[in-house]
C-alpha atoms as a PDB file:
ATOM      1  CA  MET A   1     183.196 -82.649  84.093  1.00  0.00           C
ATOM      2  CA  ASP A   2     180.857 -80.114  82.533  1.00  0.00           C
ATOM      3  CA  SER A   3     179.229 -77.363  84.606  1.00  0.00           C
ATOM      4  CA  ALA A   4     175.761 -78.954  84.609  1.00  0.00           C
ATOM      5  CA  THR A   5     177.109 -82.190  86.067  1.00  0.00           C
ATOM      6  CA  HIS A   6     179.047 -80.293  88.734  1.00  0.00           C
ATOM      7  CA  VAL A   7     175.825 -78.492  89.723  1.00  0.00           C
ATOM      8  CA  VAL A   8     173.809 -81.698  90.162  1.00  0.00           C
ATOM      9  CA  MET A   9     176.726 -83.212  92.070  1.00  0.00           C
ATOM     10  CA  GLY A  10     176.488 -80.271  94.458  1.00  0.00           C
ATOM     11  CA  VAL A  11     172.763 -80.887  94.942  1.00  0.00           C
ATOM     12  CA  ALA A  12     173.494 -84.568  95.539  1.00  0.00           C
ATOM     13  CA  LEU A  13     176.078 -83.760  98.209  1.00  0.00           C
ATOM     14  CA  GLY A  14     173.614 -81.393  99.859  1.00  0.00           C
ATOM     15  CA  GLY A  15     171.119 -84.250 100.023  1.00  0.00           C
ATOM     16  CA  LEU A  16     173.743 -86.738 101.176  1.00  0.00           C
ATOM     17  CA  ALA A  17     174.629 -84.363 104.023  1.00  0.00           C
ATOM     18  CA  THR A  18     171.312 -85.179 105.702  1.00  0.00           C
ATOM     19  CA  LEU A  19     172.966 -88.432 106.838  1.00  0.00           C
ATOM     20  CA  ASP A  20     175.136 -86.217 109.052  1.00  0.00           C
ATOM     21  CA  PRO A  21     173.209 -86.041 112.396  1.00  0.00           C
ATOM     22  CA  VAL A  22     174.458 -82.507 113.060  1.00  0.00           C
ATOM     23  CA  VAL A  23     173.148 -81.330 109.676  1.00  0.00           C
ATOM     24  CA  SER A  24     169.838 -83.195 109.828  1.00  0.00           C
ATOM     25  CA  SER A  25     169.045 -81.757 113.274  1.00  0.00           C
ATOM     26  CA  ASP A  26     169.390 -78.122 112.165  1.00  0.00           C
ATOM     27  CA  PRO A  27     167.213 -76.792 109.285  1.00  0.00           C
ATOM     28  CA  ASN A  28     169.393 -73.688 108.987  1.00  0.00           C
ATOM     29  CA  LEU A  29     172.502 -75.823 108.652  1.00  0.00           C
ATOM     30  CA  GLN A  30     170.779 -78.006 106.046  1.00  0.00           C
ATOM     31  CA  GLN A  31     170.071 -74.919 103.978  1.00  0.00           C
ATOM     32  CA  ALA A  32     173.599 -73.588 104.413  1.00  0.00           C
ATOM     33  CA  VAL A  33     175.151 -76.935 103.513  1.00  0.00           C
ATOM     34  CA  MET A  34     173.061 -77.173 100.332  1.00  0.00           C
ATOM     35  CA  VAL A  35     174.251 -73.717  99.252  1.00  0.00           C
ATOM     36  CA  ALA A  36     177.854 -74.547 100.212  1.00  0.00           C
ATOM     37  CA  ALA A  37     177.738 -77.845  98.318  1.00  0.00           C
ATOM     38  CA  ILE A  38     176.416 -76.256  95.129  1.00  0.00           C
ATOM     39  CA  VAL A  39     178.850 -73.330  95.263  1.00  0.00           C
ATOM     40  CA  GLY A  40     181.736 -75.628  96.249  1.00  0.00           C
ATOM     41  CA  SER A  41     180.983 -77.918  93.348  1.00  0.00           C
ATOM     42  CA  GLN A  42     181.472 -74.951  90.989  1.00  0.00           C
ATOM     43  CA  ALA A  43     184.211 -72.993  92.772  1.00  0.00           C
ATOM     44  CA  PRO A  44     187.301 -74.631  91.185  1.00  0.00           C
ATOM     45  CA  ASP A  45     185.988 -73.662  87.742  1.00  0.00           C
ATOM     46  CA  PHE A  46     185.757 -69.966  88.610  1.00  0.00           C
ATOM     47  CA  ASP A  47     188.959 -69.661  86.578  1.00  0.00           C
ATOM     48  CA  THR A  48     186.737 -69.884  83.492  1.00  0.00           C
ATOM     49  CA  VAL A  49     186.645 -66.096  83.755  1.00  0.00           C
ATOM     50  CA  LEU A  50     190.144 -66.219  82.224  1.00  0.00           C
ATOM     51  CA  LYS A  51     188.460 -66.771  78.859  1.00  0.00           C
ATOM     52  CA  LEU A  52     187.620 -63.086  78.953  1.00  0.00           C
ATOM     53  CA  LYS A  53     191.349 -62.399  78.666  1.00  0.00           C
ATOM     54  CA  ASN A  54     192.200 -64.797  75.822  1.00  0.00           C
ATOM     55  CA  ASN A  55     192.450 -68.489  74.977  1.00  0.00           C
ATOM     56  CA  ALA A  56     196.156 -68.664  75.786  1.00  0.00           C
ATOM     57  CA  VAL A  57     195.688 -67.550  79.385  1.00  0.00           C
ATOM     58  CA  TYR A  58     192.631 -69.790  79.762  1.00  0.00           C
ATOM     59  CA  ILE A  59     194.231 -72.956  78.350  1.00  0.00           C
ATOM     60  CA  LYS A  60     197.444 -72.481  80.307  1.00  0.00           C
ATOM     61  CA  ASN A  61     195.712 -71.879  83.639  1.00  0.00           C
ATOM     62  CA  HIS A  62     192.310 -73.598  83.533  1.00  0.00           C
ATOM     63  CA  ARG A  63     192.135 -76.447  86.067  1.00  0.00           C
ATOM     64  CA  GLY A  64     195.474 -75.318  87.428  1.00  0.00           C
ATOM     65  CA  VAL A  65     195.864 -73.370  90.643  1.00  0.00           C
ATOM     66  CA  THR A  66     192.110 -73.257  91.394  1.00  0.00           C
ATOM     67  CA  HIS A  67     192.127 -77.067  91.527  1.00  0.00           C
ATOM     68  CA  SER A  68     195.401 -77.331  93.469  1.00  0.00           C
ATOM     69  CA  VAL A  69     195.833 -78.707  96.992  1.00  0.00           C
ATOM     70  CA  PRO A  70     195.878 -75.284  98.730  1.00  0.00           C
ATOM     71  CA  PHE A  71     192.558 -74.409  97.085  1.00  0.00           C
ATOM     72  CA  TRP A  72     190.964 -77.612  98.358  1.00  0.00           C
ATOM     73  CA  PHE A  73     191.035 -75.735 101.663  1.00  0.00           C
ATOM     74  CA  ILE A  74     190.824 -72.124 100.500  1.00  0.00           C
ATOM     75  CA  TRP A  75     187.522 -72.547  98.638  1.00  0.00           C
ATOM     76  CA  PRO A  76     185.584 -74.175 101.522  1.00  0.00           C
ATOM     77  CA  THR A  77     187.006 -71.616 103.944  1.00  0.00           C
ATOM     78  CA  LEU A  78     185.866 -68.705 101.758  1.00  0.00           C
ATOM     79  CA  ILE A  79     182.450 -70.302 101.254  1.00  0.00           C
ATOM     80  CA  THR A  80     182.012 -70.987 104.983  1.00  0.00           C
ATOM     81  CA  LEU A  81     183.031 -67.481 106.036  1.00  0.00           C
ATOM     82  CA  THR A  82     180.701 -65.920 103.456  1.00  0.00           C
ATOM     83  CA  LEU A  83     177.728 -68.036 104.530  1.00  0.00           C
ATOM     84  CA  ALA A  84     178.495 -67.402 108.210  1.00  0.00           C
ATOM     85  CA  PHE A  85     178.203 -63.692 107.481  1.00  0.00           C
ATOM     86  CA  ILE A  86     174.901 -63.790 105.558  1.00  0.00           C
ATOM     87  CA  MET A  87     173.017 -66.697 107.193  1.00  0.00           C
ATOM     88  CA  PRO A  88     171.859 -67.509 110.748  1.00  0.00           C
ATOM     89  CA  PRO A  89     174.467 -69.014 113.114  1.00  0.00           C
ATOM     90  CA  VAL A  90     175.204 -72.686 112.356  1.00  0.00           C
ATOM     91  CA  ASN A  91     177.861 -75.314 113.097  1.00  0.00           C
ATOM     92  CA  LEU A  92     180.742 -73.902 111.070  1.00  0.00           C
ATOM     93  CA  PHE A  93     182.878 -77.039 111.210  1.00  0.00           C
ATOM     94  CA  HIS A  94     180.228 -79.228 109.585  1.00  0.00           C
ATOM     95  CA  LEU A  95     179.428 -76.493 107.093  1.00  0.00           C
ATOM     96  CA  TRP A  96     183.119 -76.273 106.177  1.00  0.00           C
ATOM     97  CA  LEU A  97     183.388 -80.057 105.981  1.00  0.00           C
ATOM     98  CA  TRP A  98     180.604 -80.427 103.427  1.00  0.00           C
ATOM     99  CA  ALA A  99     181.924 -77.489 101.418  1.00  0.00           C
ATOM    100  CA  PHE A 100     185.296 -79.271 101.395  1.00  0.00           C
ATOM    101  CA  PHE A 101     183.670 -82.498 100.173  1.00  0.00           C
ATOM    102  CA  ALA A 102     182.073 -80.546  97.302  1.00  0.00           C
ATOM    103  CA  VAL A 103     185.359 -78.944  96.245  1.00  0.00           C
ATOM    104  CA  PHE A 104     187.296 -82.199  96.567  1.00  0.00           C
ATOM    105  CA  LEU A 105     184.691 -84.164  94.579  1.00  0.00           C
ATOM    106  CA  HIS A 106     184.883 -81.585  91.776  1.00  0.00           C
ATOM    107  CA  VAL A 107     188.665 -81.922  91.548  1.00  0.00           C
ATOM    108  CA  PHE A 108     188.564 -85.706  91.907  1.00  0.00           C
ATOM    109  CA  VAL A 109     186.140 -86.335  89.037  1.00  0.00           C
ATOM    110  CA  ASP A 110     188.045 -83.896  86.784  1.00  0.00           C
ATOM    111  CA  ILE A 111     191.073 -86.199  87.002  1.00  0.00           C
ATOM    112  CA  PHE A 112     189.194 -88.921  85.129  1.00  0.00           C
ATOM    113  CA  ASN A 113     188.538 -87.112  81.840  1.00  0.00           C
ATOM    114  CA  ALA A 114     190.963 -86.472  78.997  1.00  0.00           C
ATOM    115  CA  TYR A 115     191.425 -82.775  79.826  1.00  0.00           C
ATOM    116  CA  GLY A 116     192.552 -83.479  83.377  1.00  0.00           C
ATOM    117  CA  THR A 117     193.819 -81.135  86.061  1.00  0.00           C
ATOM    118  CA  LYS A 118     196.812 -80.275  88.245  1.00  0.00           C
ATOM    119  CA  ALA A 119     195.025 -81.737  91.256  1.00  0.00           C
ATOM    120  CA  PHE A 120     198.100 -82.250  93.444  1.00  0.00           C
ATOM    121  CA  ASP A 121     199.949 -79.031  92.635  1.00  0.00           C
ATOM    122  CA  PRO A 122     202.280 -77.880  94.256  1.00  0.00           C
ATOM    123  CA  ILE A 123     203.107 -81.288  95.796  1.00  0.00           C
ATOM    124  CA  ASN A 124     203.148 -82.840  92.335  1.00  0.00           C
ATOM    125  CA  ARG A 125     202.965 -80.474  89.352  1.00  0.00           C
ATOM    126  CA  ARG A 126     202.121 -83.258  86.925  1.00  0.00           C
ATOM    127  CA  TRP A 127     198.962 -82.795  84.861  1.00  0.00           C
ATOM    128  CA  LEU A 128     196.627 -85.704  85.683  1.00  0.00           C
ATOM    129  CA  ALA A 129     194.297 -86.762  82.859  1.00  0.00           C
ATOM    130  CA  LEU A 130     193.278 -90.414  83.118  1.00  0.00           C
ATOM    131  CA  GLY A 131     191.005 -90.340  80.056  1.00  0.00           C
ATOM    132  CA  VAL A 132     188.330 -92.619  81.525  1.00  0.00           C
ATOM    133  CA  ILE A 133     185.160 -90.488  81.589  1.00  0.00           C
ATOM    134  CA  ASN A 134     183.936 -88.085  78.909  1.00  0.00           C
ATOM    135  CA  ILE A 135     183.611 -84.384  79.839  1.00  0.00           C
ATOM    136  CA  PHE A 136     179.841 -84.925  79.763  1.00  0.00           C
ATOM    137  CA  ASP A 137     178.803 -88.438  80.694  1.00  0.00           C
ATOM    138  CA  PRO A 138     175.071 -89.117  80.138  1.00  0.00           C
ATOM    139  CA  PHE A 139     174.957 -91.964  82.659  1.00  0.00           C
ATOM    140  CA  ILE A 140     176.400 -89.855  85.487  1.00  0.00           C
ATOM    141  CA  PHE A 141     174.173 -86.877  84.713  1.00  0.00           C
ATOM    142  CA  ILE A 142     170.980 -88.932  84.332  1.00  0.00           C
ATOM    143  CA  ALA A 143     171.750 -90.851  87.543  1.00  0.00           C
ATOM    144  CA  HIS A 144     171.828 -87.535  89.403  1.00  0.00           C
ATOM    145  CA  ILE A 145     168.589 -86.347  87.790  1.00  0.00           C
ATOM    146  CA  VAL A 146     166.815 -89.604  88.688  1.00  0.00           C
ATOM    147  CA  ALA A 147     168.012 -89.338  92.290  1.00  0.00           C
ATOM    148  CA  ILE A 148     166.972 -85.671  92.550  1.00  0.00           C
ATOM    149  CA  VAL A 149     163.510 -86.437  91.113  1.00  0.00           C
ATOM    150  CA  SER A 150     163.164 -89.385  93.515  1.00  0.00           C
ATOM    151  CA  TRP A 151     163.962 -87.050  96.406  1.00  0.00           C
ATOM    152  CA  ARG A 152     161.362 -84.626  95.096  1.00  0.00           C
ATOM    153  CA  PHE A 153     158.755 -87.396  95.242  1.00  0.00           C
ATOM    154  CA  GLY A 154     159.514 -88.348  98.817  1.00  0.00           C
ATOM    155  CA  THR A 155     162.466 -90.712  99.063  1.00  0.00           C
ATOM    156  CA  ASP A 156     164.994 -90.130 101.828  1.00  0.00           C
ATOM    157  CA  PRO A 157     167.667 -87.813 100.381  1.00  0.00           C
ATOM    158  CA  GLY A 158     170.575 -89.230 102.351  1.00  0.00           C
ATOM    159  CA  TRP A 159     170.043 -92.870 101.414  1.00  0.00           C
ATOM    160  CA  THR A 160     168.921 -91.995  97.884  1.00  0.00           C
ATOM    161  CA  PHE A 161     172.130 -90.116  97.084  1.00  0.00           C
ATOM    162  CA  LEU A 162     174.325 -92.590  98.963  1.00  0.00           C
ATOM    163  CA  THR A 163     172.910 -95.365  96.760  1.00  0.00           C
ATOM    164  CA  MET A 164     173.469 -93.201  93.678  1.00  0.00           C
ATOM    165  CA  PHE A 165     177.095 -92.489  94.582  1.00  0.00           C
ATOM    166  CA  ILE A 166     177.749 -96.208  95.145  1.00  0.00           C
ATOM    167  CA  ILE A 167     176.303 -97.007  91.711  1.00  0.00           C
ATOM    168  CA  ILE A 168     178.403 -94.260  90.094  1.00  0.00           C
ATOM    169  CA  ALA A 169     181.527 -95.539  91.870  1.00  0.00           C
ATOM    170  CA  MET A 170     180.853 -98.998  90.381  1.00  0.00           C
ATOM    171  CA  TYR A 171     180.391 -97.318  86.988  1.00  0.00           C
ATOM    172  CA  TYR A 172     183.806 -95.677  87.328  1.00  0.00           C
ATOM    173  CA  VAL A 173     185.384 -99.049  88.134  1.00  0.00           C
ATOM    174  CA  TRP A 174     183.765-100.537  85.026  1.00  0.00           C
ATOM    175  CA  ARG A 175     184.974 -97.664  82.831  1.00  0.00           C
ATOM    176  CA  ILE A 176     188.514 -98.017  84.188  1.00  0.00           C
ATOM    177  CA  ARG A 177     188.479-101.719  83.305  1.00  0.00           C
ATOM    178  CA  VAL A 178     187.170-101.014  79.800  1.00  0.00           C
ATOM    179  CA  GLN A 179     189.849 -98.388  79.274  1.00  0.00           C
ATOM    180  CA  GLN A 180     192.511-100.805  80.485  1.00  0.00           C
ATOM    181  CA  LYS A 181     191.344-103.377  77.926  1.00  0.00           C
ATOM    182  CA  VAL A 182     191.603-100.758  75.169  1.00  0.00           C
ATOM    183  CA  HIS A 183     195.033 -99.718  76.439  1.00  0.00           C
ATOM    184  CA  ASP A 184     196.248-103.333  76.587  1.00  0.00           C
ATOM    185  CA  ALA A 185     194.932-104.073  73.094  1.00  0.00           C
ATOM    186  CA  PHE A 186     197.054-101.284  71.632  1.00  0.00           C
ATOM    187  CA  LEU A 187     200.108-102.206  73.697  1.00  0.00           C
ATOM    188  CA  GLU A 188     199.822-105.730  72.337  1.00  0.00           C
ATOM    189  CA  ARG A 189     200.035-104.319  68.810  1.00  0.00           C
ATOM    190  CA  HIS A 190     202.692-101.760  69.733  1.00  0.00           C
ATOM    191  CA  PRO A 191     204.921-103.232  72.437  1.00  0.00           C
ATOM    192  CA  ASP A 192     207.430-100.445  71.749  1.00  0.00           C
ATOM    193  CA  ALA A 193     204.889 -97.710  72.576  1.00  0.00           C
ATOM    194  CA  THR A 194     206.124 -95.068  74.985  1.00  0.00           C
ATOM    195  CA  HIS A 195     202.650 -93.541  75.409  1.00  0.00           C
ATOM    196  CA  VAL A 196     199.076 -94.619  74.721  1.00  0.00           C
ATOM    197  CA  PHE A 197     196.667 -91.688  75.017  1.00  0.00           C
ATOM    198  CA  THR A 198     192.995 -92.690  75.302  1.00  0.00           C
ATOM    199  CA  SER A 199     190.147 -90.196  75.038  1.00  0.00           C
ATOM    200  CA  PRO A 200     186.616 -91.357  75.908  1.00  0.00           C
ATOM    201  CA  THR A 201     183.708 -90.175  73.813  1.00  0.00           C
ATOM    202  CA  PHE A 202     179.989 -89.653  74.256  1.00  0.00           C
ATOM    203  CA  LYS A 203     179.565 -93.306  73.250  1.00  0.00           C
ATOM    204  CA  TRP A 204     180.637 -96.005  75.721  1.00  0.00           C
ATOM    205  CA  ASN A 205     181.974 -98.285  72.977  1.00  0.00           C
ATOM    206  CA  LEU A 206     184.100 -95.652  71.192  1.00  0.00           C
ATOM    207  CA  TRP A 207     187.553 -94.452  72.250  1.00  0.00           C
ATOM    208  CA  HIS A 208     189.928 -92.100  70.430  1.00  0.00           C
ATOM    209  CA  VAL A 209     193.522 -93.285  70.774  1.00  0.00           C
ATOM    210  CA  VAL A 210     196.970 -91.888  69.964  1.00  0.00           C
ATOM    211  CA  ILE A 211     199.955 -94.240  70.208  1.00  0.00           C
ATOM    212  CA  ARG A 212     203.435 -92.798  70.391  1.00  0.00           C
ATOM    213  CA  THR A 213     206.644 -94.769  69.879  1.00  0.00           C
ATOM    214  CA  ASP A 214     210.198 -93.534  69.523  1.00  0.00           C
ATOM    215  CA  LYS A 215     209.727 -93.238  65.762  1.00  0.00           C
ATOM    216  CA  HIS A 216     206.012 -93.057  64.972  1.00  0.00           C
ATOM    217  CA  MET A 217     202.633 -91.731  66.096  1.00  0.00           C
ATOM    218  CA  PHE A 218     199.450 -93.578  65.213  1.00  0.00           C
ATOM    219  CA  VAL A 219     195.958 -92.077  65.332  1.00  0.00           C
ATOM    220  CA  ALA A 220     193.308 -94.734  65.821  1.00  0.00           C
ATOM    221  CA  GLU A 221     190.034 -95.626  67.469  1.00  0.00           C
ATOM    222  CA  SER A 222     188.611 -98.583  69.333  1.00  0.00           C
ATOM    223  CA  ARG A 223     184.938 -99.210  68.570  1.00  0.00           C
ATOM    224  CA  ASN A 224     183.359-102.248  70.208  1.00  0.00           C
ATOM    225  CA  HIS A 225     186.946-103.449  70.791  1.00  0.00           C
ATOM    226  CA  THR A 226     187.581-103.315  67.032  1.00  0.00           C
ATOM    227  CA  ILE A 227     190.672-101.245  66.251  1.00  0.00           C
ATOM    228  CA  THR A 228     190.767 -98.905  63.272  1.00  0.00           C
ATOM    229  CA  TYR A 229     193.820 -96.858  62.229  1.00  0.00           C
ATOM    230  CA  PHE A 230     193.429 -93.480  60.551  1.00  0.00           C
ATOM    231  CA  GLU A 231     196.872 -91.877  60.220  1.00  0.00           C
ATOM    232  CA  ASP A 232     200.491 -92.761  60.833  1.00  0.00           C
ATOM    233  CA  TYR A 233     203.000 -89.947  61.319  1.00  0.00           C
ATOM    234  CA  PRO A 234     206.702 -89.938  62.053  1.00  0.00           C
ATOM    235  CA  PHE A 235     207.425 -88.858  65.617  1.00  0.00           C
ATOM    236  CA  GLU A 236     209.420 -85.661  65.226  1.00  0.00           C
ATOM    237  CA  PRO A 237     210.507 -83.843  68.393  1.00  0.00           C
ATOM    238  CA  ILE A 238     210.565 -80.065  68.045  1.00  0.00           C
ATOM    239  CA  PRO A 239     213.941 -79.221  66.459  1.00  0.00           C
ATOM    240  CA  PRO A 240     216.213 -76.271  67.284  1.00  0.00           C
ATOM    241  CA  ASP A 241     214.982 -74.216  64.335  1.00  0.00           C
ATOM    242  CA  PRO A 242     215.107 -70.366  64.218  1.00  0.00           C
ATOM    243  CA  VAL A 243     211.520 -70.061  62.953  1.00  0.00           C
ATOM    244  CA  ILE A 244     210.084 -72.452  65.531  1.00  0.00           C
ATOM    245  CA  ASP A 245     212.206 -70.909  68.289  1.00  0.00           C
ATOM    246  CA  ALA A 246     210.764 -67.504  67.445  1.00  0.00           C
ATOM    247  CA  ALA A 247     207.225 -68.903  67.362  1.00  0.00           C
ATOM    248  CA  ARG A 248     207.678 -70.590  70.755  1.00  0.00           C
ATOM    249  CA  LYS A 249     207.982 -67.155  72.346  1.00  0.00           C
ATOM    250  CA  ASP A 250     204.310 -66.618  71.533  1.00  0.00           C
ATOM    251  CA  ALA A 251     201.861 -66.983  74.432  1.00  0.00           C
ATOM    252  CA  ASN A 252     199.312 -68.951  72.398  1.00  0.00           C
ATOM    253  CA  LEU A 253     201.835 -71.586  71.343  1.00  0.00           C
ATOM    254  CA  GLN A 254     203.247 -71.777  74.868  1.00  0.00           C
ATOM    255  CA  ALA A 255     199.740 -72.451  76.184  1.00  0.00           C
ATOM    256  CA  PHE A 256     199.179 -75.180  73.585  1.00  0.00           C
ATOM    257  CA  LEU A 257     202.461 -76.925  74.408  1.00  0.00           C
ATOM    258  CA  SER A 258     201.739 -76.780  78.135  1.00  0.00           C
ATOM    259  CA  PHE A 259     198.496 -78.651  77.522  1.00  0.00           C
ATOM    260  CA  SER A 260     199.017 -81.044  74.609  1.00  0.00           C
ATOM    261  CA  PRO A 261     201.134 -84.210  74.977  1.00  0.00           C
ATOM    262  CA  ALA A 262     200.460 -85.590  71.475  1.00  0.00           C
ATOM    263  CA  TYR A 263     200.859 -83.244  68.522  1.00  0.00           C
ATOM    264  CA  ARG A 264     202.278 -82.675  65.051  1.00  0.00           C
ATOM    265  CA  TRP A 265     204.026 -79.536  63.919  1.00  0.00           C
ATOM    266  CA  ALA A 266     204.743 -77.963  60.539  1.00  0.00           C
ATOM    267  CA  VAL A 267     206.449 -74.840  59.209  1.00  0.00           C
ATOM    268  CA  SER A 268     205.307 -73.272  55.927  1.00  0.00           C
ATOM    269  CA  ILE A 269     206.657 -70.370  53.886  1.00  0.00           C
ATOM    270  CA  GLU A 270     203.952 -67.872  52.904  1.00  0.00           C
ATOM    271  CA  GLU A 271     203.632 -64.352  51.492  1.00  0.00           C
ATOM    272  CA  HIS A 272     203.846 -62.715  54.900  1.00  0.00           C
ATOM    273  CA  GLY A 273     206.863 -64.821  55.917  1.00  0.00           C
ATOM    274  CA  TYR A 274     206.269 -68.035  57.877  1.00  0.00           C
ATOM    275  CA  SER A 275     203.464 -69.941  59.569  1.00  0.00           C
ATOM    276  CA  VAL A 276     204.090 -72.440  62.360  1.00  0.00           C
ATOM    277  CA  LYS A 277     201.237 -74.834  63.070  1.00  0.00           C
ATOM    278  CA  PHE A 278     200.769 -77.363  65.855  1.00  0.00           C
ATOM    279  CA  VAL A 279     197.885 -79.845  65.859  1.00  0.00           C
ATOM    280  CA  ASP A 280     196.695 -81.897  68.831  1.00  0.00           C
ATOM    281  CA  LEU A 281     196.151 -85.478  67.612  1.00  0.00           C
ATOM    282  CA  ARG A 282     193.891 -86.569  70.492  1.00  0.00           C
ATOM    283  CA  TYR A 283     190.724 -84.844  69.290  1.00  0.00           C
ATOM    284  CA  ARG A 284     190.229 -86.212  65.800  1.00  0.00           C
ATOM    285  CA  SER A 285     186.662 -85.570  64.650  1.00  0.00           C
ATOM    286  CA  LYS A 286     185.265 -86.496  61.219  1.00  0.00           C
ATOM    287  CA  GLY A 287     188.745 -86.672  59.754  1.00  0.00           C
ATOM    288  CA  TYR A 288     189.722 -83.276  61.155  1.00  0.00           C
ATOM    289  CA  TYR A 289     191.891 -82.126  64.076  1.00  0.00           C
ATOM    290  CA  PRO A 290     190.147 -79.055  65.539  1.00  0.00           C
ATOM    291  CA  PHE A 291     192.465 -78.188  68.442  1.00  0.00           C
ATOM    292  CA  VAL A 292     195.383 -76.191  67.029  1.00  0.00           C
ATOM    293  CA  ALA A 293     197.953 -73.485  67.646  1.00  0.00           C
ATOM    294  CA  ILE A 294     199.151 -71.287  64.784  1.00  0.00           C
ATOM    295  CA  VAL A 295     201.730 -68.502  64.788  1.00  0.00           C
ATOM    296  CA  ARG A 296     202.285 -66.177  61.815  1.00  0.00           C
ATOM    297  CA  LEU A 297     205.699 -64.487  61.535  1.00  0.00           C
ATOM    298  CA  ASP A 298     207.197 -62.043  59.074  1.00  0.00           C
ATOM    299  CA  GLU A 299     210.493 -62.550  57.244  1.00  0.00           C
ATOM    300  CA  ASP A 300     212.390 -61.064  60.213  1.00  0.00           C
ATOM    301  CA  LEU A 301     210.745 -63.635  62.530  1.00  0.00           C
ATOM    302  CA  GLU A 302     208.628 -61.010  64.243  1.00  0.00           C
ATOM    303  CA  ILE A 303     205.255 -62.384  65.348  1.00  0.00           C
ATOM    304  CA  LEU A 304     202.362 -60.966  63.328  1.00  0.00           C
ATOM    305  CA  SER A 305     199.453 -62.854  64.896  1.00  0.00           C
ATOM    306  CA  SER A 306     198.621 -66.143  66.549  1.00  0.00           C
ATOM    307  CA  TYR A 307     195.769 -68.273  67.813  1.00  0.00           C
ATOM    308  CA  THR A 308     195.170 -71.398  69.868  1.00  0.00           C
ATOM    309  CA  GLY A 309     191.877 -73.150  70.444  1.00  0.00           C
ATOM    310  CA  TRP A 310     189.180 -75.076  68.620  1.00  0.00           C
ATOM    311  CA  ILE A 311     188.764 -74.391  64.908  1.00  0.00           C
ATOM    312  CA  TYR A 312     186.341 -76.231  62.653  1.00  0.00           C
ATOM    313  CA  ASN A 313     186.729 -74.363  59.365  1.00  0.00           C
ATOM    314  CA  SER A 314     189.469 -72.415  57.576  1.00  0.00           C
ATOM    315  CA  ASP A 315     187.424 -69.203  57.226  1.00  0.00           C
ATOM    316  CA  SER A 316     187.054 -68.948  60.984  1.00  0.00           C
ATOM    317  CA  LEU A 317     190.780 -69.515  61.446  1.00  0.00           C
ATOM    318  CA  ARG A 318     191.650 -66.769  58.933  1.00  0.00           C
ATOM    319  CA  ARG A 319     189.406 -64.301  60.770  1.00  0.00           C
ATOM    320  CA  LYS A 320     190.948 -65.135  64.137  1.00  0.00           C
ATOM    321  CA  LEU A 321     194.498 -64.872  62.830  1.00  0.00           C
ATOM    322  CA  HIS A 322     193.736 -61.533  61.260  1.00  0.00           C
ATOM    323  CA  TYR A 323     192.311 -60.003  64.417  1.00  0.00           C
ATOM    324  CA  VAL A 324     193.977 -61.901  67.261  1.00  0.00           C
ATOM    325  CA  SER A 325     197.477 -60.874  68.228  1.00  0.00           C
ATOM    326  CA  PRO A 326     199.686 -62.740  70.715  1.00  0.00           C
ATOM    327  CA  ASP A 327     199.250 -59.938  73.229  1.00  0.00           C
ATOM    328  CA  ALA A 328     195.467 -59.693  72.900  1.00  0.00           C
END
């Protein structure tokens, strides 16, 4: 989810914690738990600082180790020890427990969007991206705001947020069922599909879809359960080609390939030598595919520059390729 939603989820958990008799009986613990819940709801995304290095490092590592099983326990432990040092003495077990709930909830909800996370690493290194909930979901965010405002005007925080979480859980079940209907509709048309990638959007009735078979890839959408196809490409696994092999040594392209399960690739001959371009098909927007990886090589297959990330116009891409090197 987005950062704003994670923050309000932390506030909600802090309010929900008042149902815990140990928390509700100690004002200092209530305050500590609220801080722990808000910080814990953000902690797994502290790896966003990797953007300061470059996009390749960020894309390859974001929602990786900081969301992994060991960090489910490391984050609440760090938060609890820090708060124990700066706040009055409180029940550390219950403080740790609510910090753990905040961290776990963050990781859990991240599984349901199209970006996903390595939630069960190192037990299972598979990237989990269920593609059910958009990165920012208005219903989930507004539900939290309504509950927080209700608390502000006097409703019991514990029961208010418990009711909210139950409603949101029902919403998740509904979204899963809708996604399954979209998935089944495409499987009915493509019984030979090996993968059906669904990406939710800001609109409940609109889903971006990529279908992959042994021979083809189809880019489509489902709007109000009406299916529309946009492009049809041959499915071409990456071949053992000297130019592509040289490009795959680049950190930006490696990051892209570690993240994208549905892409097209192309090699072009240009004045400087060669350009290798990969395009993620899942994020089609207004007829354009903005998430790309591009590597420029000279005639001796030495890497000149590269870039991976979101690009919405060719001028911006030219500037980034001119100034961004694979080791930047």
